[in-house]
Amino acid sequence: MTIEEKAKWFDRALRFALDGKIQLIMKSYKDGVAKWAIIDTEKNLVLNSNLEWEPEPTLAKDRDEAFLIRTRFDFETAVSQYQQYKMYAQ
């Protein structure tokens, strides 16, 4: 995915976030690696790798390693997950 494609997709995601309650959010940035999550801000749910919604714990200490692996993605994977979810949901 080129930088232009990433910027275009990110722009679309921002517009979608304004129209709906689902947002792509950077949850962490460590050692040059960003981790993104797809979150339904209305219901406080996060989309996991099985394309299922699960509750987002409010406290960081309640998020175990398995939860982080299921729900945090690099940018390109998050984009792919969201696109798969949109196809699956329709």
C-alpha atoms as a PDB file:
ATOM      1  CA  MET A   1       0.000   0.000   0.000  1.00  0.00           C
ATOM      2  CA  THR A   2       1.513   3.325  -1.054  1.00  0.00           C
ATOM      3  CA  ILE A   3       1.587   6.409   1.141  1.00  0.00           C
ATOM      4  CA  GLU A   4      -1.011   8.016  -1.124  1.00  0.00           C
ATOM      5  CA  GLU A   5      -3.317   4.997  -0.737  1.00  0.00           C
ATOM      6  CA  LYS A   6      -2.870   5.066   3.046  1.00  0.00           C
ATOM      7  CA  ALA A   7      -3.673   8.793   3.140  1.00  0.00           C
ATOM      8  CA  LYS A   8      -6.733   8.289   0.937  1.00  0.00           C
ATOM      9  CA  TRP A   9      -8.018   5.425   3.099  1.00  0.00           C
ATOM     10  CA  PHE A  10      -7.325   7.361   6.290  1.00  0.00           C
ATOM     11  CA  ASP A  11      -9.263  10.328   4.896  1.00  0.00           C
ATOM     12  CA  ARG A  12     -12.201   8.015   4.170  1.00  0.00           C
ATOM     13  CA  ALA A  13     -12.001   6.552   7.663  1.00  0.00           C
ATOM     14  CA  LEU A  14     -12.149  10.023   9.161  1.00  0.00           C
ATOM     15  CA  ARG A  15     -15.209  10.860   7.104  1.00  0.00           C
ATOM     16  CA  PHE A  16     -16.798   7.552   8.100  1.00  0.00           C
ATOM     17  CA  ALA A  17     -16.070   8.338  11.723  1.00  0.00           C
ATOM     18  CA  LEU A  18     -17.924  11.602  11.344  1.00  0.00           C
ATOM     19  CA  ASP A  19     -20.923   9.833   9.833  1.00  0.00           C
ATOM     20  CA  GLY A  20     -20.958   6.796  12.071  1.00  0.00           C
ATOM     21  CA  LYS A  21     -19.738   5.524  15.387  1.00  0.00           C
ATOM     22  CA  ILE A  22     -17.002   3.174  14.143  1.00  0.00           C
ATOM     23  CA  GLN A  23     -13.513   4.652  14.165  1.00  0.00           C
ATOM     24  CA  LEU A  24      -9.999   3.533  13.373  1.00  0.00           C
ATOM     25  CA  ILE A  25      -7.893   4.660  16.331  1.00  0.00           C
ATOM     26  CA  MET A  26      -4.162   4.437  16.992  1.00  0.00           C
ATOM     27  CA  LYS A  27      -3.981   2.846  20.438  1.00  0.00           C
ATOM     28  CA  SER A  28      -0.204   2.761  20.903  1.00  0.00           C
ATOM     29  CA  TYR A  29       3.071   3.740  19.286  1.00  0.00           C
ATOM     30  CA  LYS A  30       6.173   2.009  20.579  1.00  0.00           C
ATOM     31  CA  ASP A  31       9.617   1.588  19.010  1.00  0.00           C
ATOM     32  CA  GLY A  32       8.391   3.022  15.709  1.00  0.00           C
ATOM     33  CA  VAL A  33       5.447   0.616  15.469  1.00  0.00           C
ATOM     34  CA  ALA A  34       1.861   1.830  15.688  1.00  0.00           C
ATOM     35  CA  LYS A  35      -0.961  -0.432  16.838  1.00  0.00           C
ATOM     36  CA  TRP A  36      -4.468   0.378  15.624  1.00  0.00           C
ATOM     37  CA  ALA A  37      -7.914  -0.741  16.761  1.00  0.00           C
ATOM     38  CA  ILE A  38     -11.348  -0.541  15.135  1.00  0.00           C
ATOM     39  CA  ILE A  39     -13.713   0.744  17.800  1.00  0.00           C
ATOM     40  CA  ASP A  40     -17.456   1.284  17.999  1.00  0.00           C
ATOM     41  CA  THR A  41     -17.396   4.387  20.202  1.00  0.00           C
ATOM     42  CA  GLU A  42     -21.138   4.319  20.858  1.00  0.00           C
ATOM     43  CA  LYS A  43     -21.130   0.839  22.414  1.00  0.00           C
ATOM     44  CA  ASN A  44     -17.463   0.774  23.547  1.00  0.00           C
ATOM     45  CA  LEU A  45     -16.755  -2.386  21.548  1.00  0.00           C
ATOM     46  CA  VAL A  46     -13.623  -3.330  19.623  1.00  0.00           C
ATOM     47  CA  LEU A  47     -13.488  -5.460  16.466  1.00  0.00           C
ATOM     48  CA  ASN A  48     -11.275  -8.508  16.943  1.00  0.00           C
ATOM     49  CA  SER A  49      -9.411 -10.649  14.416  1.00  0.00           C
ATOM     50  CA  ASN A  50     -12.450 -12.966  14.089  1.00  0.00           C
ATOM     51  CA  LEU A  51     -14.528  -9.977  12.881  1.00  0.00           C
ATOM     52  CA  GLU A  52     -16.531 -10.100  16.107  1.00  0.00           C
ATOM     53  CA  TRP A  53     -17.210  -7.225  18.477  1.00  0.00           C
ATOM     54  CA  GLU A  54     -16.059  -7.564  22.070  1.00  0.00           C
ATOM     55  CA  PRO A  55     -16.068  -5.153  25.020  1.00  0.00           C
ATOM     56  CA  GLU A  56     -13.087  -2.802  25.319  1.00  0.00           C
ATOM     57  CA  PRO A  57     -11.892  -2.868  28.953  1.00  0.00           C
ATOM     58  CA  THR A  58     -11.699   0.661  30.304  1.00  0.00           C
ATOM     59  CA  LEU A  59      -8.562   0.018  32.352  1.00  0.00           C
ATOM     60  CA  ALA A  60      -5.291  -0.923  30.654  1.00  0.00           C
ATOM     61  CA  LYS A  61      -4.507  -3.460  33.399  1.00  0.00           C
ATOM     62  CA  ASP A  62      -7.629  -5.418  32.352  1.00  0.00           C
ATOM     63  CA  ARG A  63      -6.295  -5.905  28.805  1.00  0.00           C
ATOM     64  CA  ASP A  64      -4.307  -9.137  28.765  1.00  0.00           C
ATOM     65  CA  GLU A  65      -1.851 -10.148  26.043  1.00  0.00           C
ATOM     66  CA  ALA A  66      -4.434 -12.333  24.258  1.00  0.00           C
ATOM     67  CA  PHE A  67      -6.836  -9.375  24.054  1.00  0.00           C
ATOM     68  CA  LEU A  68      -4.120  -7.137  22.592  1.00  0.00           C
ATOM     69  CA  ILE A  69      -3.166  -9.750  19.999  1.00  0.00           C
ATOM     70  CA  ARG A  70      -6.827 -10.171  18.949  1.00  0.00           C
ATOM     71  CA  THR A  71      -7.673  -6.466  18.749  1.00  0.00           C
ATOM     72  CA  ARG A  72      -4.533  -4.455  17.879  1.00  0.00           C
ATOM     73  CA  PHE A  73      -3.183  -4.364  14.324  1.00  0.00           C
ATOM     74  CA  ASP A  74      -0.653  -2.543  12.200  1.00  0.00           C
ATOM     75  CA  PHE A  75      -2.276   0.041   9.920  1.00  0.00           C
ATOM     76  CA  GLU A  76      -2.492  -2.122   6.794  1.00  0.00           C
ATOM     77  CA  THR A  77      -3.949  -5.066   8.691  1.00  0.00           C
ATOM     78  CA  ALA A  78      -6.496  -2.786  10.371  1.00  0.00           C
ATOM     79  CA  VAL A  79      -7.563  -1.459   6.963  1.00  0.00           C
ATOM     80  CA  SER A  80      -7.934  -5.019   5.655  1.00  0.00           C
ATOM     81  CA  GLN A  81      -9.878  -6.082   8.750  1.00  0.00           C
ATOM     82  CA  TYR A  82     -12.263  -3.169   8.343  1.00  0.00           C
ATOM     83  CA  GLN A  83     -12.779  -3.877   4.630  1.00  0.00           C
ATOM     84  CA  GLN A  84     -13.486  -7.543   5.397  1.00  0.00           C
ATOM     85  CA  TYR A  85     -15.916  -6.520   8.117  1.00  0.00           C
ATOM     86  CA  LYS A  86     -17.771  -4.197   5.728  1.00  0.00           C
ATOM     87  CA  MET A  87     -18.100  -7.003   3.145  1.00  0.00           C
ATOM     88  CA  TYR A  88     -19.155  -9.479   5.850  1.00  0.00           C
ATOM     89  CA  ALA A  89     -21.679  -7.081   7.414  1.00  0.00           C
ATOM     90  CA  GLN A  90     -23.475  -6.300   4.148  1.00  0.00           C
END
